PDB file of all heavy atoms in Angstrom:
ATOM      1  N   ALA A   1       3.787   0.056  23.879  1.00  0.00           N
ATOM      2  CA  ALA A   1       3.520   1.495  23.906  1.00  0.00           C
ATOM      3  C   ALA A   1       4.508   2.284  23.054  1.00  0.00           C
ATOM      4  O   ALA A   1       4.178   3.349  22.550  1.00  0.00           O
ATOM      5  CB  ALA A   1       3.562   1.998  25.344  1.00  0.00           C
ATOM      6  N   SER A   2       5.714   1.774  22.878  1.00  0.00           N
ATOM      7  CA  SER A   2       6.715   2.520  22.117  1.00  0.00           C
ATOM      8  C   SER A   2       6.639   2.266  20.619  1.00  0.00           C
ATOM      9  O   SER A   2       7.334   2.918  19.849  1.00  0.00           O
ATOM     10  CB  SER A   2       8.122   2.171  22.620  1.00  0.00           C
ATOM     11  OG  SER A   2       8.438   0.831  22.298  1.00  0.00           O
ATOM     12  N   ARG A   3       5.799   1.339  20.165  1.00  0.00           N
ATOM     13  CA  ARG A   3       5.633   1.106  18.732  1.00  0.00           C
ATOM     14  C   ARG A   3       4.975   2.317  18.090  1.00  0.00           C
ATOM     15  O   ARG A   3       4.159   2.986  18.693  1.00  0.00           O
ATOM     16  CB  ARG A   3       4.770  -0.134  18.476  1.00  0.00           C
ATOM     17  CG  ARG A   3       5.497  -1.400  18.758  1.00  0.00           C
ATOM     18  CD  ARG A   3       4.816  -2.600  18.200  1.00  0.00           C
ATOM     19  NE  ARG A   3       3.372  -2.509  18.202  1.00  0.00           N
ATOM     20  CZ  ARG A   3       2.569  -3.556  18.266  1.00  0.00           C
ATOM     21  NH1 ARG A   3       3.058  -4.752  18.347  1.00  0.00           N
ATOM     22  NH2 ARG A   3       1.267  -3.405  18.240  1.00  0.00           N
ATOM     23  N   PRO A   4       5.306   2.595  16.809  1.00  0.00           N
ATOM     24  CA  PRO A   4       4.758   3.781  16.165  1.00  0.00           C
ATOM     25  C   PRO A   4       3.244   3.771  16.063  1.00  0.00           C
ATOM     26  O   PRO A   4       2.613   4.791  16.119  1.00  0.00           O
ATOM     27  CB  PRO A   4       5.372   3.771  14.768  1.00  0.00           C
ATOM     28  CG  PRO A   4       6.379   2.697  14.743  1.00  0.00           C
ATOM     29  CD  PRO A   4       6.241   1.888  15.979  1.00  0.00           C
ATOM     30  N   GLU A   5       2.653   2.593  15.885  1.00  0.00           N
ATOM     31  CA  GLU A   5       1.214   2.523  15.715  1.00  0.00           C
ATOM     32  C   GLU A   5       0.711   1.325  16.499  1.00  0.00           C
ATOM     33  O   GLU A   5       0.740   0.198  16.025  1.00  0.00           O
ATOM     34  CB  GLU A   5       0.904   2.365  14.223  1.00  0.00           C
ATOM     35  CG  GLU A   5      -0.517   2.630  13.874  1.00  0.00           C
ATOM     36  CD  GLU A   5      -0.713   2.566  12.387  1.00  0.00           C
ATOM     37  OE1 GLU A   5      -0.615   1.479  11.816  1.00  0.00           O
ATOM     38  OE2 GLU A   5      -0.968   3.626  11.797  1.00  0.00           O
ATOM     39  N   SER A   6       0.260   1.521  17.716  1.00  0.00           N
ATOM     40  CA  SER A   6      -0.207   0.430  18.558  1.00  0.00           C
ATOM     41  C   SER A   6      -1.472  -0.172  17.982  1.00  0.00           C
ATOM     42  O   SER A   6      -2.327   0.519  17.450  1.00  0.00           O
ATOM     43  CB  SER A   6      -0.493   0.927  19.977  1.00  0.00           C
ATOM     44  OG  SER A   6       0.707   1.319  20.574  1.00  0.00           O
ATOM     45  N   GLY A   7      -1.576  -1.487  18.101  1.00  0.00           N
ATOM     46  CA  GLY A   7      -2.779  -2.171  17.686  1.00  0.00           C
ATOM     47  C   GLY A   7      -2.786  -2.591  16.235  1.00  0.00           C
ATOM     48  O   GLY A   7      -3.746  -3.153  15.761  1.00  0.00           O
ATOM     49  N   GLY A   8      -1.746  -2.369  15.479  1.00  0.00           N
ATOM     50  CA  GLY A   8      -1.727  -2.769  14.084  1.00  0.00           C
ATOM     51  C   GLY A   8      -0.342  -2.586  13.501  1.00  0.00           C
ATOM     52  O   GLY A   8       0.518  -1.992  14.105  1.00  0.00           O
ATOM     53  N   THR A   9      -0.164  -3.135  12.307  1.00  0.00           N
ATOM     54  CA  THR A   9       1.142  -3.002  11.672  1.00  0.00           C
ATOM     55  C   THR A   9       1.117  -1.809  10.740  1.00  0.00           C
ATOM     56  O   THR A   9       0.128  -1.528  10.081  1.00  0.00           O
ATOM     57  CB  THR A   9       1.489  -4.272  10.887  1.00  0.00           C
ATOM     58  OG1 THR A   9       0.474  -4.495   9.916  1.00  0.00           O
ATOM     59  CG2 THR A   9       1.589  -5.465  11.810  1.00  0.00           C
ATOM     60  N   HIS A  10       2.191  -1.079  10.690  1.00  0.00           N
ATOM     61  CA  HIS A  10       2.288   0.094   9.839  1.00  0.00           C
ATOM     62  C   HIS A  10       2.966  -0.303   8.534  1.00  0.00           C
ATOM     63  O   HIS A  10       4.059  -0.825   8.532  1.00  0.00           O
ATOM     64  CB  HIS A  10       3.086   1.176  10.555  1.00  0.00           C
ATOM     65  CG  HIS A  10       3.279   2.396   9.727  1.00  0.00           C
ATOM     66  ND1 HIS A  10       2.230   3.221   9.372  1.00  0.00           N
ATOM     67  CD2 HIS A  10       4.382   2.931   9.161  1.00  0.00           C
ATOM     68  CE1 HIS A  10       2.699   4.208   8.632  1.00  0.00           C
ATOM     69  NE2 HIS A  10       3.995   4.057   8.482  1.00  0.00           N
ATOM     70  N   ASP A  11       2.313  -0.046   7.423  1.00  0.00           N
ATOM     71  CA  ASP A  11       2.854  -0.358   6.105  1.00  0.00           C
ATOM     72  C   ASP A  11       3.259   0.952   5.437  1.00  0.00           C
ATOM     73  O   ASP A  11       2.399   1.769   5.086  1.00  0.00           O
ATOM     74  CB  ASP A  11       1.794  -1.070   5.274  1.00  0.00           C
ATOM     75  CG  ASP A  11       2.309  -1.539   3.939  1.00  0.00           C
ATOM     76  OD1 ASP A  11       3.419  -1.125   3.529  1.00  0.00           O
ATOM     77  OD2 ASP A  11       1.608  -2.316   3.277  1.00  0.00           O
ATOM     78  N   PRO A  12       4.568   1.188   5.281  1.00  0.00           N
ATOM     79  CA  PRO A  12       5.006   2.475   4.726  1.00  0.00           C
ATOM     80  C   PRO A  12       4.600   2.682   3.271  1.00  0.00           C
ATOM     81  O   PRO A  12       4.614   3.803   2.785  1.00  0.00           O
ATOM     82  CB  PRO A  12       6.526   2.418   4.863  1.00  0.00           C
ATOM     83  CG  PRO A  12       6.850   0.970   4.875  1.00  0.00           C
ATOM     84  CD  PRO A  12       5.673   0.303   5.553  1.00  0.00           C
ATOM     85  N   HIS A  13       4.238   1.626   2.565  1.00  0.00           N
ATOM     86  CA  HIS A  13       3.881   1.748   1.152  1.00  0.00           C
ATOM     87  C   HIS A  13       2.377   1.643   0.919  1.00  0.00           C
ATOM     88  O   HIS A  13       1.949   1.521  -0.215  1.00  0.00           O
ATOM     89  CB  HIS A  13       4.595   0.675   0.330  1.00  0.00           C
ATOM     90  CG  HIS A  13       6.082   0.722   0.442  1.00  0.00           C
ATOM     91  ND1 HIS A  13       6.830   1.815   0.049  1.00  0.00           N
ATOM     92  CD2 HIS A  13       6.969  -0.170   0.935  1.00  0.00           C
ATOM     93  CE1 HIS A  13       8.108   1.580   0.271  1.00  0.00           C
ATOM     94  NE2 HIS A  13       8.217   0.396   0.815  1.00  0.00           N
ATOM     95  N   ALA A  14       1.587   1.673   1.984  1.00  0.00           N
ATOM     96  CA  ALA A  14       0.140   1.454   1.850  1.00  0.00           C
ATOM     97  C   ALA A  14      -0.587   2.705   1.367  1.00  0.00           C
ATOM     98  O   ALA A  14      -0.387   3.791   1.890  1.00  0.00           O
ATOM     99  CB  ALA A  14      -0.438   0.994   3.180  1.00  0.00           C
ATOM    100  N   PHE A  15      -1.398   2.521   0.333  1.00  0.00           N
ATOM    101  CA  PHE A  15      -2.333   3.551  -0.106  1.00  0.00           C
ATOM    102  C   PHE A  15      -3.456   2.874  -0.861  1.00  0.00           C
ATOM    103  O   PHE A  15      -3.304   1.775  -1.405  1.00  0.00           O
ATOM    104  CB  PHE A  15      -1.661   4.637  -0.957  1.00  0.00           C
ATOM    105  CG  PHE A  15      -0.935   4.148  -2.180  1.00  0.00           C
ATOM    106  CD1 PHE A  15      -1.593   3.962  -3.376  1.00  0.00           C
ATOM    107  CD2 PHE A  15       0.424   3.884  -2.131  1.00  0.00           C
ATOM    108  CE1 PHE A  15      -0.918   3.523  -4.515  1.00  0.00           C
ATOM    109  CE2 PHE A  15       1.108   3.451  -3.251  1.00  0.00           C
ATOM    110  CZ  PHE A  15       0.437   3.269  -4.453  1.00  0.00           C
ATOM    111  N   ASP A  16      -4.608   3.479  -0.825  1.00  0.00           N
ATOM    112  CA  ASP A  16      -5.790   2.992  -1.528  1.00  0.00           C
ATOM    113  C   ASP A  16      -6.623   4.229  -1.838  1.00  0.00           C
ATOM    114  O   ASP A  16      -7.225   4.808  -0.940  1.00  0.00           O
ATOM    115  CB  ASP A  16      -6.569   2.007  -0.661  1.00  0.00           C
ATOM    116  CG  ASP A  16      -7.747   1.376  -1.395  1.00  0.00           C
ATOM    117  OD1 ASP A  16      -7.974   1.701  -2.582  1.00  0.00           O
ATOM    118  OD2 ASP A  16      -8.444   0.545  -0.781  1.00  0.00           O
ATOM    119  N   GLU A  17      -6.586   4.656  -3.105  1.00  0.00           N
ATOM    120  CA  GLU A  17      -7.288   5.877  -3.454  1.00  0.00           C
ATOM    121  C   GLU A  17      -7.781   5.840  -4.886  1.00  0.00           C
ATOM    122  O   GLU A  17      -7.319   5.038  -5.696  1.00  0.00           O
ATOM    123  CB  GLU A  17      -6.398   7.097  -3.251  1.00  0.00           C
ATOM    124  CG  GLU A  17      -5.277   7.227  -4.267  1.00  0.00           C
ATOM    125  CD  GLU A  17      -4.521   8.553  -4.133  1.00  0.00           C
ATOM    126  OE1 GLU A  17      -4.308   8.994  -2.993  1.00  0.00           O
ATOM    127  OE2 GLU A  17      -4.154   9.118  -5.169  1.00  0.00           O
ATOM    128  N   MET A  18      -8.722   6.718  -5.171  1.00  0.00           N
ATOM    129  CA  MET A  18      -9.169   6.940  -6.541  1.00  0.00           C
ATOM    130  C   MET A  18      -8.425   8.165  -7.055  1.00  0.00           C
ATOM    131  O   MET A  18      -8.350   9.185  -6.371  1.00  0.00           O
ATOM    132  CB  MET A  18     -10.676   7.186  -6.590  1.00  0.00           C
ATOM    133  CG  MET A  18     -11.503   5.960  -6.244  1.00  0.00           C
ATOM    134  SD  MET A  18     -11.262   4.570  -7.364  1.00  0.00           S
ATOM    135  CE  MET A  18     -11.976   5.167  -8.874  1.00  0.00           C
ATOM    136  N   TYR A  19      -7.837   8.045  -8.241  1.00  0.00           N
ATOM    137  CA  TYR A  19      -7.106   9.152  -8.861  1.00  0.00           C
ATOM    138  C   TYR A  19      -7.439   9.167 -10.339  1.00  0.00           C
ATOM    139  O   TYR A  19      -7.195   8.184 -11.054  1.00  0.00           O
ATOM    140  CB  TYR A  19      -5.596   8.969  -8.642  1.00  0.00           C
ATOM    141  CG  TYR A  19      -4.743  10.037  -9.272  1.00  0.00           C
ATOM    142  CD1 TYR A  19      -4.675  11.309  -8.706  1.00  0.00           C
ATOM    143  CD2 TYR A  19      -4.008   9.787 -10.420  1.00  0.00           C
ATOM    144  CE1 TYR A  19      -3.884  12.301  -9.277  1.00  0.00           C
ATOM    145  CE2 TYR A  19      -3.216  10.771 -11.000  1.00  0.00           C
ATOM    146  CZ  TYR A  19      -3.167  12.026 -10.423  1.00  0.00           C
ATOM    147  OH  TYR A  19      -2.385  13.006 -10.986  1.00  0.00           O
ATOM    148  N   ARG A  20      -8.040  10.254 -10.794  1.00  0.00           N
ATOM    149  CA  ARG A  20      -8.446  10.404 -12.193  1.00  0.00           C
ATOM    150  C   ARG A  20      -9.277   9.227 -12.693  1.00  0.00           C
ATOM    151  O   ARG A  20      -9.079   8.724 -13.797  1.00  0.00           O
ATOM    152  CB  ARG A  20      -7.240  10.624 -13.087  1.00  0.00           C
ATOM    153  CG  ARG A  20      -6.522  11.918 -12.763  1.00  0.00           C
ATOM    154  CD  ARG A  20      -5.536  12.257 -13.817  1.00  0.00           C
ATOM    155  NE  ARG A  20      -5.020  13.586 -13.547  1.00  0.00           N
ATOM    156  CZ  ARG A  20      -4.459  14.341 -14.439  1.00  0.00           C
ATOM    157  NH1 ARG A  20      -4.326  13.908 -15.670  1.00  0.00           N
ATOM    158  NH2 ARG A  20      -4.014  15.519 -14.115  1.00  0.00           N
ATOM    159  N   GLY A  21     -10.165   8.761 -11.835  1.00  0.00           N
ATOM    160  CA  GLY A  21     -11.059   7.658 -12.192  1.00  0.00           C
ATOM    161  C   GLY A  21     -10.432   6.279 -12.115  1.00  0.00           C
ATOM    162  O   GLY A  21     -11.048   5.299 -12.510  1.00  0.00           O
ATOM    163  N   ARG A  22      -9.226   6.176 -11.601  1.00  0.00           N
ATOM    164  CA  ARG A  22      -8.522   4.889 -11.471  1.00  0.00           C
ATOM    165  C   ARG A  22      -8.374   4.552  -9.993  1.00  0.00           C
ATOM    166  O   ARG A  22      -8.134   5.430  -9.170  1.00  0.00           O
ATOM    167  CB  ARG A  22      -7.123   4.961 -12.074  1.00  0.00           C
ATOM    168  CG  ARG A  22      -7.021   5.500 -13.452  1.00  0.00           C
ATOM    169  CD  ARG A  22      -7.411   4.464 -14.472  1.00  0.00           C
ATOM    170  NE  ARG A  22      -7.208   4.979 -15.798  1.00  0.00           N
ATOM    171  CZ  ARG A  22      -6.484   4.376 -16.706  1.00  0.00           C
ATOM    172  NH1 ARG A  22      -5.891   3.246 -16.453  1.00  0.00           N
ATOM    173  NH2 ARG A  22      -6.365   4.904 -17.901  1.00  0.00           N
ATOM    174  N   ARG A  23      -8.483   3.271  -9.686  1.00  0.00           N
ATOM    175  CA  ARG A  23      -8.243   2.837  -8.308  1.00  0.00           C
ATOM    176  C   ARG A  23      -6.772   2.467  -8.176  1.00  0.00           C
ATOM    177  O   ARG A  23      -6.272   1.570  -8.853  1.00  0.00           O
ATOM    178  CB  ARG A  23      -9.098   1.638  -7.943  1.00  0.00           C
ATOM    179  CG  ARG A  23      -8.828   1.219  -6.507  1.00  0.00           C
ATOM    180  CD  ARG A  23      -9.842   0.289  -5.971  1.00  0.00           C
ATOM    181  NE  ARG A  23      -9.556   0.052  -4.560  1.00  0.00           N
ATOM    182  CZ  ARG A  23      -9.587  -1.133  -4.024  1.00  0.00           C
ATOM    183  NH1 ARG A  23      -9.928  -2.188  -4.743  1.00  0.00           N
ATOM    184  NH2 ARG A  23      -9.318  -1.281  -2.750  1.00  0.00           N
ATOM    185  N   LEU A  24      -6.080   3.175  -7.289  1.00  0.00           N
ATOM    186  CA  LEU A  24      -4.666   2.931  -7.018  1.00  0.00           C
ATOM    187  C   LEU A  24      -4.556   2.230  -5.675  1.00  0.00           C
ATOM    188  O   LEU A  24      -5.061   2.733  -4.671  1.00  0.00           O
ATOM    189  CB  LEU A  24      -3.889   4.248  -6.982  1.00  0.00           C
ATOM    190  CG  LEU A  24      -4.091   5.215  -8.146  1.00  0.00           C
ATOM    191  CD1 LEU A  24      -3.206   6.436  -7.959  1.00  0.00           C
ATOM    192  CD2 LEU A  24      -3.826   4.544  -9.463  1.00  0.00           C
ATOM    193  N   LEU A  25      -3.896   1.092  -5.673  1.00  0.00           N
ATOM    194  CA  LEU A  25      -3.725   0.319  -4.448  1.00  0.00           C
ATOM    195  C   LEU A  25      -2.251  -0.017  -4.299  1.00  0.00           C
ATOM    196  O   LEU A  25      -1.634  -0.551  -5.223  1.00  0.00           O
ATOM    197  CB  LEU A  25      -4.547  -0.970  -4.528  1.00  0.00           C
ATOM    198  CG  LEU A  25      -4.485  -1.917  -3.340  1.00  0.00           C
ATOM    199  CD1 LEU A  25      -5.054  -1.247  -2.098  1.00  0.00           C
ATOM    200  CD2 LEU A  25      -5.253  -3.184  -3.644  1.00  0.00           C
ATOM    201  N   GLY A  26      -1.679   0.329  -3.161  1.00  0.00           N
ATOM    202  CA  GLY A  26      -0.271   0.051  -2.906  1.00  0.00           C
ATOM    203  C   GLY A  26      -0.086  -0.576  -1.542  1.00  0.00           C
ATOM    204  O   GLY A  26      -0.824  -0.273  -0.602  1.00  0.00           O
ATOM    205  N   PHE A  27       0.886  -1.465  -1.433  1.00  0.00           N
ATOM    206  CA  PHE A  27       1.194  -2.134  -0.178  1.00  0.00           C
ATOM    207  C   PHE A  27       2.603  -2.690  -0.255  1.00  0.00           C
ATOM    208  O   PHE A  27       3.204  -2.725  -1.325  1.00  0.00           O
ATOM    209  CB  PHE A  27       0.181  -3.241   0.125  1.00  0.00           C
ATOM    210  CG  PHE A  27      -0.035  -4.207  -1.015  1.00  0.00           C
ATOM    211  CD1 PHE A  27       0.708  -5.361  -1.113  1.00  0.00           C
ATOM    212  CD2 PHE A  27      -0.978  -3.935  -1.998  1.00  0.00           C
ATOM    213  CE1 PHE A  27       0.524  -6.252  -2.167  1.00  0.00           C
ATOM    214  CE2 PHE A  27      -1.174  -4.811  -3.062  1.00  0.00           C
ATOM    215  CZ  PHE A  27      -0.420  -5.966  -3.142  1.00  0.00           C
ATOM    216  N   SER A  28       3.119  -3.118   0.874  1.00  0.00           N
ATOM    217  CA  SER A  28       4.449  -3.737   0.898  1.00  0.00           C
ATOM    218  C   SER A  28       4.330  -5.186   0.479  1.00  0.00           C
ATOM    219  O   SER A  28       3.551  -5.939   1.061  1.00  0.00           O
ATOM    220  CB  SER A  28       5.069  -3.644   2.290  1.00  0.00           C
ATOM    221  OG  SER A  28       5.393  -2.308   2.583  1.00  0.00           O
ATOM    222  N   GLY A  29       5.106  -5.560  -0.512  1.00  0.00           N
ATOM    223  CA  GLY A  29       5.095  -6.926  -0.998  1.00  0.00           C
ATOM    224  C   GLY A  29       6.212  -7.732  -0.359  1.00  0.00           C
ATOM    225  O   GLY A  29       6.736  -7.362   0.700  1.00  0.00           O
ATOM    226  N   PRO A  30       6.608  -8.814  -0.998  1.00  0.00           N
ATOM    227  CA  PRO A  30       7.682  -9.652  -0.474  1.00  0.00           C
ATOM    228  C   PRO A  30       8.962  -8.841  -0.275  1.00  0.00           C
ATOM    229  O   PRO A  30       9.343  -8.056  -1.131  1.00  0.00           O
ATOM    230  CB  PRO A  30       7.874 -10.721  -1.553  1.00  0.00           C
ATOM    231  CG  PRO A  30       6.612 -10.712  -2.337  1.00  0.00           C
ATOM    232  CD  PRO A  30       6.065  -9.320  -2.247  1.00  0.00           C
ATOM    233  N   GLY A  31       9.585  -9.016   0.837  1.00  0.00           N
ATOM    234  CA  GLY A  31      10.825  -8.307   1.126  1.00  0.00           C
ATOM    235  C   GLY A  31      10.630  -6.843   1.461  1.00  0.00           C
ATOM    236  O   GLY A  31      11.585  -6.087   1.521  1.00  0.00           O
ATOM    237  N   GLY A  32       9.386  -6.407   1.631  1.00  0.00           N
ATOM    238  CA  GLY A  32       9.117  -5.022   1.983  1.00  0.00           C
ATOM    239  C   GLY A  32       9.101  -4.065   0.810  1.00  0.00           C
ATOM    240  O   GLY A  32       8.912  -2.873   0.980  1.00  0.00           O
ATOM    241  N   GLU A  33       9.320  -4.572  -0.398  1.00  0.00           N
ATOM    242  CA  GLU A  33       9.304  -3.718  -1.577  1.00  0.00           C
ATOM    243  C   GLU A  33       7.866  -3.324  -1.910  1.00  0.00           C
ATOM    244  O   GLU A  33       6.942  -4.102  -1.704  1.00  0.00           O
ATOM    245  CB  GLU A  33       9.932  -4.433  -2.770  1.00  0.00           C
ATOM    246  CG  GLU A  33      11.418  -4.651  -2.621  1.00  0.00           C
ATOM    247  CD  GLU A  33      12.174  -3.338  -2.494  1.00  0.00           C
ATOM    248  OE1 GLU A  33      11.924  -2.412  -3.270  1.00  0.00           O
ATOM    249  OE2 GLU A  33      13.028  -3.250  -1.597  1.00  0.00           O
ATOM    250  N   PRO A  34       7.652  -2.123  -2.456  1.00  0.00           N
ATOM    251  CA  PRO A  34       6.292  -1.695  -2.763  1.00  0.00           C
ATOM    252  C   PRO A  34       5.691  -2.492  -3.916  1.00  0.00           C
ATOM    253  O   PRO A  34       6.370  -2.808  -4.890  1.00  0.00           O
ATOM    254  CB  PRO A  34       6.455  -0.227  -3.144  1.00  0.00           C
ATOM    255  CG  PRO A  34       7.873  -0.084  -3.551  1.00  0.00           C
ATOM    256  CD  PRO A  34       8.646  -1.102  -2.764  1.00  0.00           C
ATOM    257  N   THR A  35       4.416  -2.823  -3.768  1.00  0.00           N
ATOM    258  CA  THR A  35       3.636  -3.480  -4.801  1.00  0.00           C
ATOM    259  C   THR A  35       2.468  -2.560  -5.115  1.00  0.00           C
ATOM    260  O   THR A  35       1.814  -2.058  -4.209  1.00  0.00           O
ATOM    261  CB  THR A  35       3.124  -4.846  -4.318  1.00  0.00           C
ATOM    262  OG1 THR A  35       4.258  -5.667  -4.008  1.00  0.00           O
ATOM    263  CG2 THR A  35       2.271  -5.524  -5.359  1.00  0.00           C
ATOM    264  N   VAL A  36       2.216  -2.321  -6.414  1.00  0.00           N
ATOM    265  CA  VAL A  36       1.198  -1.363  -6.825  1.00  0.00           C
ATOM    266  C   VAL A  36       0.255  -2.005  -7.833  1.00  0.00           C
ATOM    267  O   VAL A  36       0.695  -2.728  -8.734  1.00  0.00           O
ATOM    268  CB  VAL A  36       1.860  -0.111  -7.458  1.00  0.00           C
ATOM    269  CG1 VAL A  36       0.820   0.830  -8.010  1.00  0.00           C
ATOM    270  CG2 VAL A  36       2.728   0.601  -6.447  1.00  0.00           C
ATOM    271  N   LEU A  37      -1.036  -1.719  -7.681  1.00  0.00           N
ATOM    272  CA  LEU A  37      -2.049  -2.143  -8.640  1.00  0.00           C
ATOM    273  C   LEU A  37      -2.802  -0.911  -9.121  1.00  0.00           C
ATOM    274  O   LEU A  37      -3.156  -0.048  -8.319  1.00  0.00           O
ATOM    275  CB  LEU A  37      -3.037  -3.117  -7.992  1.00  0.00           C
ATOM    276  CG  LEU A  37      -2.464  -4.400  -7.410  1.00  0.00           C
ATOM    277  CD1 LEU A  37      -3.550  -5.186  -6.691  1.00  0.00           C
ATOM    278  CD2 LEU A  37      -1.825  -5.245  -8.492  1.00  0.00           C
ATOM    279  N   VAL A  38      -3.035  -0.837 -10.427  1.00  0.00           N
ATOM    280  CA  VAL A  38      -3.852   0.215 -11.024  1.00  0.00           C
ATOM    281  C   VAL A  38      -5.053  -0.481 -11.634  1.00  0.00           C
ATOM    282  O   VAL A  38      -4.903  -1.284 -12.556  1.00  0.00           O
ATOM    283  CB  VAL A  38      -3.073   1.009 -12.103  1.00  0.00           C
ATOM    284  CG1 VAL A  38      -3.980   2.037 -12.758  1.00  0.00           C
ATOM    285  CG2 VAL A  38      -1.849   1.673 -11.502  1.00  0.00           C
ATOM    286  N   ASP A  39      -6.225  -0.217 -11.096  1.00  0.00           N
ATOM    287  CA  ASP A  39      -7.453  -0.895 -11.525  1.00  0.00           C
ATOM    288  C   ASP A  39      -7.283  -2.408 -11.481  1.00  0.00           C
ATOM    289  O   ASP A  39      -7.745  -3.133 -12.366  1.00  0.00           O
ATOM    290  CB  ASP A  39      -7.871  -0.447 -12.921  1.00  0.00           C
ATOM    291  CG  ASP A  39      -8.297   1.007 -12.966  1.00  0.00           C
ATOM    292  OD1 ASP A  39      -8.774   1.511 -11.926  1.00  0.00           O
ATOM    293  OD2 ASP A  39      -8.146   1.640 -14.021  1.00  0.00           O
ATOM    294  N   GLY A  40      -6.571  -2.898 -10.481  1.00  0.00           N
ATOM    295  CA  GLY A  40      -6.390  -4.330 -10.296  1.00  0.00           C
ATOM    296  C   GLY A  40      -5.259  -4.939 -11.100  1.00  0.00           C
ATOM    297  O   GLY A  40      -4.975  -6.125 -10.971  1.00  0.00           O
ATOM    298  N   ARG A  41      -4.606  -4.160 -11.931  1.00  0.00           N
ATOM    299  CA  ARG A  41      -3.484  -4.662 -12.733  1.00  0.00           C
ATOM    300  C   ARG A  41      -2.159  -4.206 -12.127  1.00  0.00           C
ATOM    301  O   ARG A  41      -2.016  -3.058 -11.738  1.00  0.00           O
ATOM    302  CB  ARG A  41      -3.578  -4.153 -14.165  1.00  0.00           C
ATOM    303  CG  ARG A  41      -4.764  -4.735 -14.897  1.00  0.00           C
ATOM    304  CD  ARG A  41      -4.771  -4.270 -16.322  1.00  0.00           C
ATOM    305  NE  ARG A  41      -5.892  -4.897 -17.010  1.00  0.00           N
ATOM    306  CZ  ARG A  41      -5.896  -5.165 -18.291  1.00  0.00           C
ATOM    307  NH1 ARG A  41      -4.858  -4.842 -19.024  1.00  0.00           N
ATOM    308  NH2 ARG A  41      -6.935  -5.719 -18.843  1.00  0.00           N
ATOM    309  N   PRO A  42      -1.174  -5.106 -12.064  1.00  0.00           N
ATOM    310  CA  PRO A  42       0.109  -4.738 -11.440  1.00  0.00           C
ATOM    311  C   PRO A  42       0.884  -3.730 -12.275  1.00  0.00           C
ATOM    312  O   PRO A  42       0.878  -3.774 -13.502  1.00  0.00           O
ATOM    313  CB  PRO A  42       0.864  -6.071 -11.367  1.00  0.00           C
ATOM    314  CG  PRO A  42       0.234  -6.936 -12.403  1.00  0.00           C
ATOM    315  CD  PRO A  42      -1.195  -6.494 -12.532  1.00  0.00           C
ATOM    316  N   LEU A  43       1.518  -2.817 -11.567  1.00  0.00           N
ATOM    317  CA  LEU A  43       2.399  -1.826 -12.185  1.00  0.00           C
ATOM    318  C   LEU A  43       3.760  -1.983 -11.542  1.00  0.00           C
ATOM    319  O   LEU A  43       3.894  -1.853 -10.329  1.00  0.00           O
ATOM    320  CB  LEU A  43       1.872  -0.408 -11.971  1.00  0.00           C
ATOM    321  CG  LEU A  43       2.762   0.728 -12.457  1.00  0.00           C
ATOM    322  CD1 LEU A  43       2.887   0.680 -13.981  1.00  0.00           C
ATOM    323  CD2 LEU A  43       2.212   2.064 -12.005  1.00  0.00           C
ATOM    324  N   HIS A  44       4.756  -2.292 -12.348  1.00  0.00           N
ATOM    325  CA  HIS A  44       6.107  -2.512 -11.830  1.00  0.00           C
ATOM    326  C   HIS A  44       6.735  -1.188 -11.409  1.00  0.00           C
ATOM    327  O   HIS A  44       6.680  -0.210 -12.147  1.00  0.00           O
ATOM    328  CB  HIS A  44       6.971  -3.198 -12.885  1.00  0.00           C
ATOM    329  CG  HIS A  44       8.354  -3.483 -12.429  1.00  0.00           C
ATOM    330  ND1 HIS A  44       8.635  -4.438 -11.481  1.00  0.00           N
ATOM    331  CD2 HIS A  44       9.531  -2.937 -12.774  1.00  0.00           C
ATOM    332  CE1 HIS A  44       9.937  -4.460 -11.267  1.00  0.00           C
ATOM    333  NE2 HIS A  44      10.499  -3.552 -12.044  1.00  0.00           N
TER     334      HIS A  44
END
């Protein structure tokens, strides 16, 4: 009950949106560092 989001894990770097016709996808990668894809291609 005291977890910030019961029933699932909270990813502070998570996003999935369309921006200017591009699909932006972000999530926590290895070590919790943010991982980002633009139209399926990685962006450092």
